[in-house]
Amino acid sequence: MTDGGRTVYGGGGISPDEKFTPEKLDAFEVELLSKFAFSNYTKHFFAIHKDKLAENWNVDTATMNEFHQYLLDQKVEFTEADFTKDYDKVRRRVQSEIYKTAYSVDESMKYEIKTDPEVEAAVNAMPKAQALLASTRKLALERMKK
C-alpha cells in the first residue's frame, strides 16, 4: 500500500493512473507531411495575404477551403473523406505553420502546446491529482498523530 492507502502491485514498475494513447498519423497526414504541404502552403498563403495577421488570428473556414484547393492544385492525393476525417488535426497544423511565419517559432509552439490533445488530457487530470495529493497528506497527518 502507498502512504495514501492505495494498492500497489509488485513487478513491472509503476503503472500510471491516467493513460493516454496518442493517435497515430493516418495515410493522409503522412502524405501531407511527406509533401511538405503545410510549410509550402504557408508560403502560398503569405503570397496571397499581404496584410499582417491580427493578434490571436485563427484559421477560418475560408483558409481551410484555400488549403483544400491548394492540395488539389498540387496534386496531393486524398479523398474528401480523408480531409473531413482529419479536418481538425489539419486545421491545427495549418495554423501552427502560419504562426511560425506570422509571429515566431515560439508562438507556434505555444499554440501547439495549448491545443495538444495529450497536454489537454494532462490538464484535465490535474484536479484528480490534486485530490489524490490532498487525501495522501490527510492520511499522512493522521498517521503522524498516532
N, C-alpha and C. Protein backbone atom coordinates (compact mmCIF):
# COMPACT_ATOMS: atom_id res chain seq x y z
N MET A 1 0.84 -1.18 0.00
CA MET A 1 0.00 0.00 0.00
C MET A 1 0.89 1.25 0.00
N THR A 2 0.40 2.28 -0.67
CA THR A 2 1.12 3.55 -0.64
C THR A 2 0.78 4.27 0.65
N ASP A 3 1.49 5.36 0.94
CA ASP A 3 1.18 6.17 2.12
C ASP A 3 -0.24 6.69 2.06
N GLY A 4 -0.77 6.81 0.85
CA GLY A 4 -2.14 7.30 0.67
C GLY A 4 -3.18 6.20 0.74
N GLY A 5 -2.75 4.97 1.00
CA GLY A 5 -3.69 3.87 1.15
C GLY A 5 -4.09 3.20 -0.16
N ARG A 6 -3.37 3.48 -1.21
CA ARG A 6 -3.69 2.87 -2.50
C ARG A 6 -2.92 1.57 -2.67
N THR A 7 -3.55 0.58 -3.28
CA THR A 7 -2.91 -0.70 -3.51
C THR A 7 -1.90 -0.58 -4.64
N VAL A 8 -0.71 -1.16 -4.40
CA VAL A 8 0.35 -1.16 -5.41
C VAL A 8 0.76 -2.62 -5.62
N TYR A 9 0.89 -3.00 -6.89
CA TYR A 9 1.27 -4.37 -7.21
C TYR A 9 2.74 -4.42 -7.59
N GLY A 10 3.43 -5.47 -7.17
CA GLY A 10 4.85 -5.60 -7.45
C GLY A 10 5.13 -6.07 -8.87
N GLY A 11 6.32 -5.77 -9.32
CA GLY A 11 6.75 -6.23 -10.64
C GLY A 11 6.28 -5.33 -11.76
N GLY A 12 7.17 -5.09 -12.71
CA GLY A 12 6.79 -4.34 -13.91
C GLY A 12 6.82 -2.84 -13.76
N GLY A 13 7.24 -2.33 -12.64
CA GLY A 13 7.33 -0.89 -12.47
C GLY A 13 6.00 -0.27 -12.08
N ILE A 14 5.96 1.03 -12.13
CA ILE A 14 4.76 1.77 -11.71
C ILE A 14 3.88 2.02 -12.93
N SER A 15 2.62 1.67 -12.82
CA SER A 15 1.67 1.94 -13.90
C SER A 15 0.99 3.27 -13.63
N PRO A 16 0.83 4.09 -14.66
CA PRO A 16 0.17 5.39 -14.46
C PRO A 16 -1.32 5.22 -14.17
N ASP A 17 -1.86 6.14 -13.38
CA ASP A 17 -3.30 6.14 -13.12
C ASP A 17 -4.07 6.54 -14.36
N GLU A 18 -3.52 7.50 -15.06
CA GLU A 18 -4.16 8.00 -16.27
C GLU A 18 -3.32 7.57 -17.47
N LYS A 19 -3.97 6.98 -18.44
CA LYS A 19 -3.26 6.56 -19.64
C LYS A 19 -3.77 7.38 -20.82
N PHE A 20 -2.84 7.74 -21.69
CA PHE A 20 -3.20 8.47 -22.90
C PHE A 20 -2.46 7.84 -24.06
N THR A 21 -3.21 7.44 -25.06
CA THR A 21 -2.60 6.86 -26.25
C THR A 21 -2.77 7.86 -27.38
N PRO A 22 -1.68 8.49 -27.80
CA PRO A 22 -1.80 9.46 -28.89
C PRO A 22 -2.23 8.77 -30.18
N GLU A 23 -3.00 9.50 -30.97
CA GLU A 23 -3.43 8.96 -32.26
C GLU A 23 -2.22 8.83 -33.18
N LYS A 24 -2.20 7.77 -33.94
CA LYS A 24 -1.15 7.59 -34.93
C LYS A 24 -1.54 8.38 -36.18
N LEU A 25 -0.53 8.81 -36.92
CA LEU A 25 -0.79 9.51 -38.17
C LEU A 25 -1.41 8.53 -39.17
N ASP A 26 -2.43 8.99 -39.87
CA ASP A 26 -3.00 8.14 -40.91
C ASP A 26 -2.31 8.44 -42.24
N ALA A 27 -2.69 7.72 -43.29
CA ALA A 27 -2.03 7.85 -44.59
C ALA A 27 -2.12 9.27 -45.15
N PHE A 28 -3.25 9.92 -44.96
CA PHE A 28 -3.42 11.29 -45.46
C PHE A 28 -2.46 12.25 -44.76
N GLU A 29 -2.36 12.15 -43.45
CA GLU A 29 -1.45 13.02 -42.70
C GLU A 29 0.00 12.77 -43.11
N VAL A 30 0.37 11.52 -43.30
CA VAL A 30 1.72 11.18 -43.74
C VAL A 30 1.97 11.79 -45.12
N GLU A 31 0.99 11.70 -45.99
CA GLU A 31 1.11 12.28 -47.34
C GLU A 31 1.35 13.79 -47.25
N LEU A 32 0.58 14.47 -46.40
CA LEU A 32 0.74 15.92 -46.25
C LEU A 32 2.13 16.27 -45.73
N LEU A 33 2.59 15.53 -44.76
CA LEU A 33 3.91 15.80 -44.18
C LEU A 33 5.04 15.47 -45.16
N SER A 34 4.91 14.37 -45.86
CA SER A 34 5.98 13.97 -46.78
C SER A 34 6.08 14.91 -47.98
N LYS A 35 4.98 15.58 -48.32
CA LYS A 35 5.00 16.54 -49.44
C LYS A 35 5.22 17.97 -48.94
N PHE A 36 5.49 18.13 -47.66
CA PHE A 36 5.71 19.46 -47.06
C PHE A 36 4.53 20.40 -47.34
N ALA A 37 3.34 19.83 -47.35
CA ALA A 37 2.14 20.59 -47.73
C ALA A 37 1.90 21.78 -46.81
N PHE A 38 2.15 21.62 -45.52
CA PHE A 38 1.86 22.70 -44.58
C PHE A 38 2.81 23.88 -44.76
N SER A 39 4.09 23.60 -44.82
CA SER A 39 5.05 24.70 -44.97
C SER A 39 4.96 25.33 -46.36
N ASN A 40 4.74 24.51 -47.38
CA ASN A 40 4.59 25.06 -48.72
C ASN A 40 3.32 25.91 -48.84
N TYR A 41 2.25 25.46 -48.19
CA TYR A 41 1.02 26.25 -48.23
C TYR A 41 1.22 27.60 -47.53
N THR A 42 2.01 27.60 -46.48
CA THR A 42 2.26 28.85 -45.75
C THR A 42 2.89 29.89 -46.67
N LYS A 43 3.84 29.47 -47.49
CA LYS A 43 4.45 30.40 -48.46
C LYS A 43 3.38 30.93 -49.42
N HIS A 44 2.56 30.02 -49.90
CA HIS A 44 1.46 30.39 -50.79
C HIS A 44 0.49 31.34 -50.10
N PHE A 45 0.16 31.04 -48.84
CA PHE A 45 -0.77 31.86 -48.06
C PHE A 45 -0.27 33.31 -47.97
N PHE A 46 0.99 33.48 -47.62
CA PHE A 46 1.52 34.84 -47.44
C PHE A 46 1.79 35.54 -48.77
N ALA A 47 1.88 34.79 -49.85
CA ALA A 47 1.98 35.42 -51.18
C ALA A 47 0.64 36.07 -51.56
N ILE A 48 -0.44 35.49 -51.06
CA ILE A 48 -1.79 36.00 -51.36
C ILE A 48 -2.24 37.01 -50.30
N HIS A 49 -2.00 36.72 -49.04
CA HIS A 49 -2.45 37.55 -47.92
C HIS A 49 -1.30 38.43 -47.45
N LYS A 50 -1.27 39.63 -47.95
CA LYS A 50 -0.15 40.54 -47.67
C LYS A 50 -0.28 41.27 -46.33
N ASP A 51 -1.51 41.40 -45.83
CA ASP A 51 -1.72 42.12 -44.57
C ASP A 51 -1.17 41.32 -43.39
N LYS A 52 -0.71 42.06 -42.40
CA LYS A 52 -0.22 41.43 -41.17
C LYS A 52 -1.42 40.78 -40.47
N LEU A 53 -1.20 39.59 -39.94
CA LEU A 53 -2.29 38.90 -39.25
C LEU A 53 -2.56 39.57 -37.91
N ALA A 54 -3.83 39.61 -37.57
CA ALA A 54 -4.23 40.16 -36.28
C ALA A 54 -3.71 39.27 -35.16
N GLU A 55 -3.54 39.86 -33.98
CA GLU A 55 -3.13 39.07 -32.82
C GLU A 55 -4.20 38.02 -32.54
N ASN A 56 -3.78 36.82 -32.19
CA ASN A 56 -4.67 35.69 -31.92
C ASN A 56 -5.50 35.29 -33.14
N TRP A 57 -4.95 35.50 -34.33
CA TRP A 57 -5.61 35.10 -35.57
C TRP A 57 -5.82 33.59 -35.56
N ASN A 58 -6.93 33.16 -36.12
CA ASN A 58 -7.22 31.73 -36.20
C ASN A 58 -7.59 31.35 -37.63
N VAL A 59 -7.25 30.13 -37.98
CA VAL A 59 -7.63 29.59 -39.29
C VAL A 59 -9.15 29.51 -39.33
N ASP A 60 -9.72 30.11 -40.36
CA ASP A 60 -11.18 30.07 -40.51
C ASP A 60 -11.54 29.12 -41.65
N THR A 61 -12.82 29.01 -41.93
CA THR A 61 -13.31 28.11 -42.97
C THR A 61 -12.75 28.51 -44.33
N ALA A 62 -12.67 29.81 -44.59
CA ALA A 62 -12.14 30.27 -45.88
C ALA A 62 -10.69 29.82 -46.07
N THR A 63 -9.89 29.91 -45.02
CA THR A 63 -8.50 29.48 -45.11
C THR A 63 -8.42 27.97 -45.34
N MET A 64 -9.26 27.23 -44.66
CA MET A 64 -9.27 25.78 -44.85
C MET A 64 -9.73 25.43 -46.27
N ASN A 65 -10.66 26.19 -46.81
CA ASN A 65 -11.08 25.97 -48.20
C ASN A 65 -9.93 26.28 -49.16
N GLU A 66 -9.16 27.33 -48.87
CA GLU A 66 -7.98 27.67 -49.68
C GLU A 66 -6.95 26.54 -49.60
N PHE A 67 -6.74 26.00 -48.39
CA PHE A 67 -5.78 24.91 -48.22
C PHE A 67 -6.24 23.69 -49.01
N HIS A 68 -7.51 23.39 -48.94
CA HIS A 68 -8.08 22.26 -49.69
C HIS A 68 -7.81 22.43 -51.19
N GLN A 69 -8.08 23.61 -51.70
CA GLN A 69 -7.86 23.89 -53.11
C GLN A 69 -6.37 23.81 -53.46
N TYR A 70 -5.54 24.31 -52.56
CA TYR A 70 -4.09 24.24 -52.74
C TYR A 70 -3.66 22.79 -52.89
N LEU A 71 -4.17 21.91 -52.04
CA LEU A 71 -3.83 20.49 -52.13
C LEU A 71 -4.24 19.91 -53.47
N LEU A 72 -5.43 20.27 -53.92
CA LEU A 72 -5.89 19.79 -55.24
C LEU A 72 -4.97 20.31 -56.34
N ASP A 73 -4.63 21.58 -56.29
CA ASP A 73 -3.76 22.18 -57.30
C ASP A 73 -2.38 21.54 -57.31
N GLN A 74 -1.91 21.11 -56.14
CA GLN A 74 -0.59 20.49 -56.02
C GLN A 74 -0.63 18.98 -56.29
N LYS A 75 -1.80 18.50 -56.64
CA LYS A 75 -1.97 17.07 -56.97
C LYS A 75 -1.67 16.14 -55.79
N VAL A 76 -1.96 16.62 -54.59
CA VAL A 76 -1.82 15.77 -53.41
C VAL A 76 -2.99 14.79 -53.44
N GLU A 77 -2.68 13.52 -53.28
CA GLU A 77 -3.73 12.50 -53.36
C GLU A 77 -4.45 12.36 -52.02
N PHE A 78 -5.76 12.56 -52.07
CA PHE A 78 -6.60 12.38 -50.89
C PHE A 78 -8.05 12.30 -51.33
N THR A 79 -8.87 11.81 -50.43
CA THR A 79 -10.31 11.79 -50.69
C THR A 79 -10.97 12.85 -49.82
N GLU A 80 -12.18 13.19 -50.17
CA GLU A 80 -12.92 14.16 -49.35
C GLU A 80 -13.15 13.58 -47.95
N ALA A 81 -13.31 12.27 -47.88
CA ALA A 81 -13.49 11.62 -46.57
C ALA A 81 -12.23 11.79 -45.72
N ASP A 82 -11.05 11.70 -46.34
CA ASP A 82 -9.78 11.91 -45.63
C ASP A 82 -9.75 13.32 -45.05
N PHE A 83 -10.06 14.28 -45.89
CA PHE A 83 -9.99 15.68 -45.48
C PHE A 83 -10.97 15.96 -44.36
N THR A 84 -12.18 15.43 -44.49
CA THR A 84 -13.21 15.64 -43.46
C THR A 84 -12.81 14.98 -42.15
N LYS A 85 -12.32 13.74 -42.23
CA LYS A 85 -11.95 13.00 -41.02
C LYS A 85 -10.83 13.70 -40.25
N ASP A 86 -9.86 14.24 -40.97
CA ASP A 86 -8.69 14.86 -40.34
C ASP A 86 -8.79 16.38 -40.26
N TYR A 87 -9.96 16.93 -40.51
CA TYR A 87 -10.13 18.38 -40.62
C TYR A 87 -9.54 19.13 -39.42
N ASP A 88 -9.88 18.73 -38.22
CA ASP A 88 -9.40 19.45 -37.03
C ASP A 88 -7.89 19.34 -36.87
N LYS A 89 -7.35 18.15 -37.10
CA LYS A 89 -5.88 17.99 -36.99
C LYS A 89 -5.17 18.79 -38.07
N VAL A 90 -5.72 18.80 -39.27
CA VAL A 90 -5.11 19.55 -40.37
C VAL A 90 -5.21 21.05 -40.09
N ARG A 91 -6.36 21.50 -39.62
CA ARG A 91 -6.54 22.92 -39.30
C ARG A 91 -5.51 23.35 -38.25
N ARG A 92 -5.31 22.51 -37.26
CA ARG A 92 -4.34 22.81 -36.20
C ARG A 92 -2.92 22.94 -36.78
N ARG A 93 -2.56 22.06 -37.68
CA ARG A 93 -1.21 22.10 -38.28
C ARG A 93 -1.06 23.31 -39.21
N VAL A 94 -2.10 23.62 -39.96
CA VAL A 94 -2.05 24.80 -40.83
C VAL A 94 -1.83 26.04 -39.97
N GLN A 95 -2.60 26.16 -38.89
CA GLN A 95 -2.46 27.32 -38.02
C GLN A 95 -1.07 27.39 -37.42
N SER A 96 -0.54 26.28 -36.98
CA SER A 96 0.79 26.25 -36.39
C SER A 96 1.83 26.73 -37.39
N GLU A 97 1.76 26.26 -38.61
CA GLU A 97 2.73 26.68 -39.64
C GLU A 97 2.59 28.17 -39.96
N ILE A 98 1.38 28.65 -40.04
CA ILE A 98 1.17 30.07 -40.34
C ILE A 98 1.69 30.92 -39.18
N TYR A 99 1.50 30.46 -37.95
CA TYR A 99 2.01 31.18 -36.78
C TYR A 99 3.54 31.31 -36.84
N LYS A 100 4.22 30.27 -37.33
CA LYS A 100 5.69 30.33 -37.41
C LYS A 100 6.14 31.51 -38.25
N THR A 101 5.46 31.71 -39.36
CA THR A 101 5.85 32.80 -40.27
C THR A 101 5.31 34.14 -39.79
N ALA A 102 4.07 34.17 -39.36
CA ALA A 102 3.44 35.44 -38.99
C ALA A 102 3.97 35.99 -37.68
N TYR A 103 4.24 35.13 -36.72
CA TYR A 103 4.64 35.59 -35.39
C TYR A 103 6.07 35.12 -35.08
N SER A 104 6.21 33.85 -34.71
CA SER A 104 7.53 33.29 -34.40
C SER A 104 7.38 31.79 -34.13
N VAL A 105 8.51 31.11 -34.09
CA VAL A 105 8.51 29.69 -33.76
C VAL A 105 7.97 29.50 -32.34
N ASP A 106 8.35 30.41 -31.43
CA ASP A 106 7.86 30.32 -30.05
C ASP A 106 6.34 30.41 -29.98
N GLU A 107 5.76 31.34 -30.72
CA GLU A 107 4.30 31.49 -30.73
C GLU A 107 3.64 30.25 -31.32
N SER A 108 4.26 29.69 -32.35
CA SER A 108 3.75 28.47 -32.95
C SER A 108 3.77 27.33 -31.93
N MET A 109 4.87 27.22 -31.20
CA MET A 109 4.98 26.16 -30.20
C MET A 109 3.98 26.36 -29.06
N LYS A 110 3.78 27.61 -28.65
CA LYS A 110 2.78 27.89 -27.61
C LYS A 110 1.40 27.43 -28.07
N TYR A 111 1.09 27.74 -29.32
CA TYR A 111 -0.20 27.32 -29.88
C TYR A 111 -0.31 25.79 -29.90
N GLU A 112 0.76 25.12 -30.36
CA GLU A 112 0.74 23.67 -30.42
C GLU A 112 0.54 23.05 -29.04
N ILE A 113 1.23 23.58 -28.05
CA ILE A 113 1.10 23.05 -26.69
C ILE A 113 -0.31 23.30 -26.16
N LYS A 114 -0.82 24.50 -26.39
CA LYS A 114 -2.15 24.85 -25.90
C LYS A 114 -3.24 23.97 -26.50
N THR A 115 -3.03 23.50 -27.73
CA THR A 115 -4.07 22.73 -28.42
C THR A 115 -3.73 21.25 -28.53
N ASP A 116 -2.65 20.81 -27.91
CA ASP A 116 -2.23 19.42 -27.99
C ASP A 116 -3.18 18.54 -27.17
N PRO A 117 -3.73 17.49 -27.77
CA PRO A 117 -4.66 16.62 -27.03
C PRO A 117 -4.05 15.95 -25.80
N GLU A 118 -2.77 15.63 -25.86
CA GLU A 118 -2.11 15.00 -24.72
C GLU A 118 -1.95 15.99 -23.57
N VAL A 119 -1.58 17.21 -23.88
CA VAL A 119 -1.47 18.25 -22.86
C VAL A 119 -2.85 18.54 -22.27
N GLU A 120 -3.85 18.59 -23.14
CA GLU A 120 -5.22 18.83 -22.67
C GLU A 120 -5.67 17.73 -21.71
N ALA A 121 -5.35 16.48 -22.03
CA ALA A 121 -5.71 15.37 -21.14
C ALA A 121 -4.99 15.50 -19.79
N ALA A 122 -3.73 15.92 -19.83
CA ALA A 122 -2.97 16.11 -18.59
C ALA A 122 -3.57 17.22 -17.74
N VAL A 123 -3.93 18.32 -18.36
CA VAL A 123 -4.53 19.44 -17.63
C VAL A 123 -5.86 19.01 -17.02
N ASN A 124 -6.65 18.25 -17.78
CA ASN A 124 -7.93 17.78 -17.27
C ASN A 124 -7.77 16.79 -16.11
N ALA A 125 -6.62 16.13 -16.04
CA ALA A 125 -6.36 15.18 -14.95
C ALA A 125 -5.87 15.86 -13.68
N MET A 126 -5.51 17.13 -13.75
CA MET A 126 -4.94 17.82 -12.59
C MET A 126 -5.86 17.84 -11.37
N PRO A 127 -7.16 18.10 -11.50
CA PRO A 127 -8.00 18.07 -10.30
C PRO A 127 -7.96 16.71 -9.58
N LYS A 128 -7.94 15.64 -10.35
CA LYS A 128 -7.86 14.30 -9.76
C LYS A 128 -6.53 14.13 -9.03
N ALA A 129 -5.45 14.62 -9.62
CA ALA A 129 -4.13 14.53 -9.00
C ALA A 129 -4.09 15.35 -7.71
N GLN A 130 -4.69 16.54 -7.73
CA GLN A 130 -4.73 17.38 -6.53
C GLN A 130 -5.54 16.72 -5.43
N ALA A 131 -6.65 16.09 -5.78
CA ALA A 131 -7.46 15.39 -4.79
C ALA A 131 -6.69 14.22 -4.19
N LEU A 132 -5.96 13.50 -5.03
CA LEU A 132 -5.15 12.38 -4.56
C LEU A 132 -4.06 12.86 -3.60
N LEU A 133 -3.42 13.95 -3.94
CA LEU A 133 -2.39 14.52 -3.08
C LEU A 133 -2.98 14.97 -1.74
N ALA A 134 -4.12 15.63 -1.78
CA ALA A 134 -4.77 16.08 -0.55
C ALA A 134 -5.14 14.90 0.34
N SER A 135 -5.64 13.83 -0.25
CA SER A 135 -6.02 12.66 0.54
C SER A 135 -4.79 11.99 1.14
N THR A 136 -3.68 11.95 0.39
CA THR A 136 -2.44 11.37 0.90
C THR A 136 -1.90 12.20 2.06
N ARG A 137 -1.95 13.52 1.94
CA ARG A 137 -1.48 14.39 3.02
C ARG A 137 -2.33 14.18 4.28
N LYS A 138 -3.62 14.07 4.07
CA LYS A 138 -4.54 13.87 5.20
C LYS A 138 -4.21 12.56 5.92
N LEU A 139 -4.02 11.49 5.17
CA LEU A 139 -3.69 10.20 5.79
C LEU A 139 -2.33 10.25 6.49
N ALA A 140 -1.37 10.92 5.88
CA ALA A 140 -0.04 11.03 6.48
C ALA A 140 -0.12 11.79 7.81
N LEU A 141 -0.91 12.86 7.84
CA LEU A 141 -1.08 13.63 9.09
C LEU A 141 -1.74 12.78 10.17
N GLU A 142 -2.75 12.00 9.78
CA GLU A 142 -3.44 11.13 10.74
C GLU A 142 -2.48 10.10 11.31
N ARG A 143 -1.60 9.55 10.48
CA ARG A 143 -0.63 8.56 10.96
C ARG A 143 0.40 9.17 11.89
N MET A 144 0.75 10.43 11.62
CA MET A 144 1.75 11.11 12.46
C MET A 144 1.17 11.37 13.84
N LYS A 145 -0.14 11.57 13.95
CA LYS A 145 -0.79 11.85 15.24
C LYS A 145 -0.86 10.59 16.11
N LYS A 146 -0.78 9.42 15.51
CA LYS A 146 -0.92 8.17 16.26
C LYS A 146 0.31 7.83 17.02
